[in-house]
Amino acid sequence: MTIDDARQRIQTTIQQFGPHAGVALDLIISEVHSSLGVDTANELIDEFDLELQYNILPIEFGHSSS
């Protein structure tokens, strides 16, 4: 996955599911975190305002979701 792939998936998910996209977006962010790292995941959370819109919090450094 590239950051551009992730952006496209996030945009498509928001368009398809609107206010109900939270669970799908959380899965995408988890994938980004795994493949591209914390910085990129947090960048996308910030870029798409996912914290405010969908309550998806930035990932803390040193935090593992597994």
C-alpha atoms as a PDB file:
ATOM      1  CA  MET A   1       0.000   0.000   0.000  1.00  0.00           C
ATOM      2  CA  THR A   2       1.175   3.515  -0.801  1.00  0.00           C
ATOM      3  CA  ILE A   3      -0.008   6.720   0.820  1.00  0.00           C
ATOM      4  CA  ASP A   4      -1.861   7.552  -2.395  1.00  0.00           C
ATOM      5  CA  ASP A   5      -3.645   4.185  -2.264  1.00  0.00           C
ATOM      6  CA  ALA A   6      -4.617   4.898   1.331  1.00  0.00           C
ATOM      7  CA  ARG A   7      -5.908   8.376   0.459  1.00  0.00           C
ATOM      8  CA  GLN A   8      -8.044   6.938  -2.328  1.00  0.00           C
ATOM      9  CA  ARG A   9      -9.454   4.219  -0.084  1.00  0.00           C
ATOM     10  CA  ILE A  10     -10.276   6.749   2.634  1.00  0.00           C
ATOM     11  CA  GLN A  11     -11.995   9.095   0.172  1.00  0.00           C
ATOM     12  CA  THR A  12     -13.996   6.257  -1.372  1.00  0.00           C
ATOM     13  CA  THR A  13     -15.035   4.931   2.031  1.00  0.00           C
ATOM     14  CA  ILE A  14     -16.196   8.371   3.192  1.00  0.00           C
ATOM     15  CA  GLN A  15     -18.171   8.861  -0.031  1.00  0.00           C
ATOM     16  CA  GLN A  16     -19.809   5.425   0.193  1.00  0.00           C
ATOM     17  CA  PHE A  17     -20.617   5.278   3.892  1.00  0.00           C
ATOM     18  CA  GLY A  18     -20.685   8.910   5.041  1.00  0.00           C
ATOM     19  CA  PRO A  19     -21.231   9.186   8.786  1.00  0.00           C
ATOM     20  CA  HIS A  20     -21.182   5.380   9.126  1.00  0.00           C
ATOM     21  CA  ALA A  21     -17.663   4.974   7.719  1.00  0.00           C
ATOM     22  CA  GLY A  22     -15.869   4.879  11.078  1.00  0.00           C
ATOM     23  CA  VAL A  23     -15.299   1.118  11.356  1.00  0.00           C
ATOM     24  CA  ALA A  24     -14.046   0.793   7.770  1.00  0.00           C
ATOM     25  CA  LEU A  25     -11.808   3.858   8.173  1.00  0.00           C
ATOM     26  CA  ASP A  26     -10.371   2.447  11.385  1.00  0.00           C
ATOM     27  CA  LEU A  27      -9.410  -0.720   9.499  1.00  0.00           C
ATOM     28  CA  ILE A  28      -7.763   1.314   6.734  1.00  0.00           C
ATOM     29  CA  ILE A  29      -5.785   3.342   9.281  1.00  0.00           C
ATOM     30  CA  SER A  30      -4.681   0.103  10.973  1.00  0.00           C
ATOM     31  CA  GLU A  31      -3.441  -1.180   7.614  1.00  0.00           C
ATOM     32  CA  VAL A  32      -1.606   2.087   6.984  1.00  0.00           C
ATOM     33  CA  HIS A  33      -0.041   1.876  10.433  1.00  0.00           C
ATOM     34  CA  SER A  34       1.155  -1.664   9.733  1.00  0.00           C
ATOM     35  CA  SER A  35       2.523  -1.044   6.254  1.00  0.00           C
ATOM     36  CA  LEU A  36       3.557   2.633   6.238  1.00  0.00           C
ATOM     37  CA  GLY A  37       4.107   3.454   9.899  1.00  0.00           C
ATOM     38  CA  VAL A  38       2.738   5.662  12.653  1.00  0.00           C
ATOM     39  CA  ASP A  39       3.720   8.975  11.053  1.00  0.00           C
ATOM     40  CA  THR A  40       1.820   8.243   7.845  1.00  0.00           C
ATOM     41  CA  ALA A  41      -1.235   6.950   9.707  1.00  0.00           C
ATOM     42  CA  ASN A  42      -1.332  10.076  11.870  1.00  0.00           C
ATOM     43  CA  GLU A  43      -0.807  12.278   8.815  1.00  0.00           C
ATOM     44  CA  LEU A  44      -3.891  10.759   7.166  1.00  0.00           C
ATOM     45  CA  ILE A  45      -5.940  11.005  10.358  1.00  0.00           C
ATOM     46  CA  ASP A  46      -5.077  14.704  10.446  1.00  0.00           C
ATOM     47  CA  GLU A  47      -5.476  15.294   6.696  1.00  0.00           C
ATOM     48  CA  PHE A  48      -9.009  13.848   6.599  1.00  0.00           C
ATOM     49  CA  ASP A  49      -9.974  15.150  10.061  1.00  0.00           C
ATOM     50  CA  LEU A  50     -10.836  11.603  11.111  1.00  0.00           C
ATOM     51  CA  GLU A  51     -10.469  12.373  14.806  1.00  0.00           C
ATOM     52  CA  LEU A  52     -13.240  14.960  14.782  1.00  0.00           C
ATOM     53  CA  GLN A  53     -15.462  13.317  12.170  1.00  0.00           C
ATOM     54  CA  TYR A  54     -15.155   9.651  13.199  1.00  0.00           C
ATOM     55  CA  ASN A  55     -13.437   9.657  16.607  1.00  0.00           C
ATOM     56  CA  ILE A  56     -10.345   7.936  15.181  1.00  0.00           C
ATOM     57  CA  LEU A  57      -7.541   9.062  17.442  1.00  0.00           C
ATOM     58  CA  PRO A  58      -3.933   9.599  16.367  1.00  0.00           C
ATOM     59  CA  ILE A  59      -1.693   6.657  17.151  1.00  0.00           C
ATOM     60  CA  GLU A  60       0.714   7.230  20.006  1.00  0.00           C
ATOM     61  CA  PHE A  61       4.353   6.445  19.349  1.00  0.00           C
ATOM     62  CA  GLY A  62       5.362   3.157  20.875  1.00  0.00           C
ATOM     63  CA  HIS A  63       1.762   1.948  20.964  1.00  0.00           C
ATOM     64  CA  SER A  64       1.011  -1.372  19.354  1.00  0.00           C
ATOM     65  CA  SER A  65      -2.515  -2.157  18.265  1.00  0.00           C
ATOM     66  CA  SER A  66      -1.905  -5.909  18.413  1.00  0.00           C
END
